[in-house]
Structure formats: structure tokens, C-alpha cells
Amino acid sequence: MNKVILIGRFVRDPEIRYTPNDRCCANFSIAVDRKYKQEGQQDADFPRVIAWGKTAEFIEKYFRQGMKIVIEGRIQTGKYTNKEGQTVYTTDVVAESVEFAESKSATSGNNKSKPAKNDNYQGMDDDGWMSIPDDVNDEGLPFN
């Protein structure tokens, strides 16, 4: 089974591209804290993440640098030959579903991490559940 679940913060705003047939692709890295920290080693890992389709569109609309995200997906490896003729091996996380990892109010103190303005976005309900924006229907949700 190939399954990974990560919780981390966006290192920078996601890079969004569209394929010639208008399929959305989001590329980004997140900072994932290590559970055990050893002296002389880094405290976090920075995996590269790729999301496609509705998941990528959701990320484009609601996530920015510094925001915390939960990603469920799979590891994908690959290789290519660079301009110098060397083989380069890659390891990426392919996001299959994503979720907010904190409330809107938790990130609103940091201007860099505010999501794109959306007047329909209600944030968290009083009971702690995230309300879904009015312009997103059940078929448009990138997660269950």
C-alpha cells in the first residue's frame, strides 16, 4: 500500500499551472516538523507536493504561504535526464485529498497566510467545524 498523510505549512504560495486541456496542477512544498529532533540535524522536512484537478483548484483558491494543511496522498518516484546528461531521480507526494489544518482565525494574524478573499467564506462554525463556502458544491469538493 502506498499512502502518506502529512501535516505542514506552506513554504511559499502554491505554483499553479494549467495543462493545454485546462487541467489545473498545483506544485508546492510544505514544512513538516520532525517528531524527534537530534542535535545538528534539521528540525523539519520539506517534501514537494503535486495536486491535480479539483484538489489543485481548491488549493489555489484557499491556501497561501504559512497556512497549515493536511494532505493525504501517495509517494511517486520518477527520473529524468537534465541538460548536462545526468539522470535525476525525483520523489514527490501526489495529493489525493487535502483539508484545512487550522481555523481561519488561527491564520488571520499573519497577513502572508490569509486565503484569497471570498465573501462567501464563513470560516469556522461555533462548534469548531469548517463551513463550506457557498460556491462549492458536493461534486467540487476535493475530499470526502
Protein backbone atom coordinates (compact mmCIF):
# COMPACT_ATOMS: atom_id res chain seq x y z
CA MET A 1 0.00 0.00 0.00
CA ASN A 2 1.31 3.45 -0.94
CA LYS A 3 -0.27 6.03 1.38
CA VAL A 4 1.08 9.11 3.12
CA ILE A 5 -0.52 11.64 5.46
CA LEU A 6 1.31 14.91 6.11
CA ILE A 7 0.55 17.97 8.21
CA GLY A 8 2.63 21.02 7.48
CA ARG A 9 2.81 24.66 6.49
CA PHE A 10 3.22 26.09 3.01
CA VAL A 11 6.79 27.24 2.45
CA ARG A 12 5.55 29.72 -0.19
CA ASP A 13 2.38 30.26 -2.21
CA PRO A 14 1.50 27.27 -4.39
CA GLU A 15 2.64 27.43 -8.02
CA ILE A 16 -0.41 26.94 -10.25
CA ARG A 17 -0.29 25.86 -13.89
CA TYR A 18 -2.86 24.63 -16.37
CA THR A 19 -2.26 21.91 -18.93
CA PRO A 20 -3.21 22.56 -22.59
CA ASN A 21 -6.53 20.81 -21.90
CA ASP A 22 -7.22 23.16 -18.91
CA ARG A 23 -6.43 20.69 -16.13
CA CYS A 24 -5.17 22.52 -13.04
CA CYS A 25 -1.87 21.50 -11.42
CA ALA A 26 -0.56 22.85 -8.10
CA ASN A 27 3.11 22.41 -7.11
CA PHE A 28 4.34 23.40 -3.68
CA SER A 29 6.45 22.40 -0.71
CA ILE A 30 5.38 22.21 2.90
CA ALA A 31 7.45 22.27 6.08
CA VAL A 32 6.72 19.15 8.13
CA ASP A 33 8.17 19.14 11.64
CA ARG A 34 10.11 16.05 12.67
CA LYS A 35 8.78 14.28 15.74
CA TYR A 36 12.23 13.68 17.18
CA LYS A 37 14.90 16.32 16.77
CA GLN A 38 18.58 15.46 17.02
CA GLU A 39 21.32 17.96 17.61
CA GLY A 40 23.00 19.03 14.39
CA GLN A 41 20.10 17.92 12.17
CA GLN A 42 17.32 19.97 10.65
CA ASP A 43 14.03 20.20 12.57
CA ALA A 44 11.76 19.76 9.56
CA ASP A 45 11.47 18.09 6.17
CA PHE A 46 10.27 19.88 3.05
CA PRO A 47 8.53 17.40 0.73
CA ARG A 48 7.45 18.50 -2.73
CA VAL A 49 3.73 18.05 -3.34
CA ILE A 50 1.76 17.88 -6.58
CA ALA A 51 -2.04 18.17 -6.77
CA TRP A 52 -4.24 17.84 -9.86
CA GLY A 53 -7.77 18.80 -10.91
CA LYS A 54 -10.32 19.90 -8.30
CA THR A 55 -7.82 19.37 -5.48
CA ALA A 56 -5.37 21.78 -7.16
CA GLU A 57 -8.14 24.33 -7.76
CA PHE A 58 -9.14 24.11 -4.07
CA ILE A 59 -5.52 24.70 -3.03
CA GLU A 60 -5.21 27.64 -5.44
CA LYS A 61 -8.31 29.28 -4.03
CA TYR A 62 -7.83 28.80 -0.28
CA PHE A 63 -4.16 28.26 0.62
CA ARG A 64 -1.22 30.67 0.86
CA GLN A 65 2.28 30.75 2.34
CA GLY A 66 2.36 29.92 6.04
CA MET A 67 -1.03 28.20 6.15
CA LYS A 68 -1.26 24.75 7.71
CA ILE A 69 -2.64 21.89 5.59
CA VAL A 70 -3.41 18.19 5.96
CA ILE A 71 -2.51 16.17 2.87
CA GLU A 72 -3.47 12.58 2.15
CA GLY A 73 -1.86 11.05 -0.88
CA ARG A 74 0.82 8.76 -2.22
CA ILE A 75 4.54 8.78 -2.89
CA GLN A 76 5.55 8.92 -6.54
CA THR A 77 9.10 8.47 -7.79
CA GLY A 78 10.46 9.29 -11.20
CA LYS A 79 13.56 10.18 -13.13
CA TYR A 80 14.64 12.38 -15.99
CA THR A 81 17.82 13.39 -17.76
CA ASN A 82 18.90 17.00 -17.20
CA LYS A 83 20.63 19.31 -19.69
CA GLU A 84 24.05 18.01 -18.62
CA GLY A 85 23.01 14.44 -19.47
CA GLN A 86 22.82 13.34 -15.83
CA THR A 87 19.97 11.20 -14.54
CA VAL A 88 17.99 12.98 -11.81
CA TYR A 89 15.76 10.95 -9.50
CA THR A 90 12.65 12.56 -8.00
CA THR A 91 10.35 11.77 -5.10
CA ASP A 92 7.08 13.67 -4.76
CA VAL A 93 3.87 13.41 -2.77
CA VAL A 94 0.79 13.33 -5.01
CA ALA A 95 -2.06 14.89 -3.02
CA GLU A 96 -5.29 12.96 -3.40
CA SER A 97 -7.21 14.92 -0.74
CA VAL A 98 -6.49 17.96 1.39
CA GLU A 99 -8.02 19.63 4.43
CA PHE A 100 -7.58 22.78 6.46
CA ALA A 101 -5.39 22.01 9.50
CA GLU A 102 -6.38 25.09 11.49
CA SER A 103 -9.17 27.62 11.66
CA LYS A 104 -9.26 30.80 9.63
CA SER A 105 -8.86 32.82 12.83
CA ALA A 106 -5.61 30.99 13.67
CA THR A 107 -4.02 32.25 10.45
CA SER A 108 -5.66 35.68 10.24
CA GLY A 109 -2.96 37.26 12.40
CA ASN A 110 -0.39 36.56 9.70
CA ASN A 111 -1.01 38.59 6.54
CA LYS A 112 1.09 36.20 4.44
CA SER A 113 -1.16 33.28 5.28
CA LYS A 114 -4.57 34.77 4.54
CA PRO A 115 -6.57 32.87 1.92
CA ALA A 116 -7.80 34.65 -1.17
CA LYS A 117 -10.73 36.97 -0.44
CA ASN A 118 -14.04 35.19 -0.81
CA ASP A 119 -17.13 36.98 0.52
CA ASN A 120 -18.99 33.66 0.80
CA TYR A 121 -16.34 32.08 3.02
CA GLN A 122 -17.69 31.76 6.56
CA GLY A 123 -14.69 30.20 8.37
CA MET A 124 -15.33 28.06 11.41
CA ASP A 125 -18.72 27.44 13.00
CA ASP A 126 -19.16 27.90 16.75
CA ASP A 127 -18.83 24.12 17.20
CA GLY A 128 -15.39 24.10 15.55
CA TRP A 129 -16.38 22.66 12.15
CA MET A 130 -15.30 24.36 8.94
CA SER A 131 -18.25 25.66 6.95
CA ILE A 132 -18.12 25.05 3.22
CA PRO A 133 -18.19 28.16 1.02
CA ASP A 134 -21.49 28.71 -0.81
CA ASP A 135 -19.83 28.47 -4.23
CA VAL A 136 -18.55 24.91 -3.62
CA ASN A 137 -20.97 22.06 -4.24
CA ASP A 138 -20.51 18.42 -3.18
CA GLU A 139 -19.13 17.43 -6.59
CA GLY A 140 -16.48 20.17 -6.34
CA LEU A 141 -15.01 19.07 -3.02
CA PRO A 142 -11.57 17.52 -3.38
CA PHE A 143 -12.02 15.43 -0.23
CA ASN A 144 -14.70 13.27 1.39
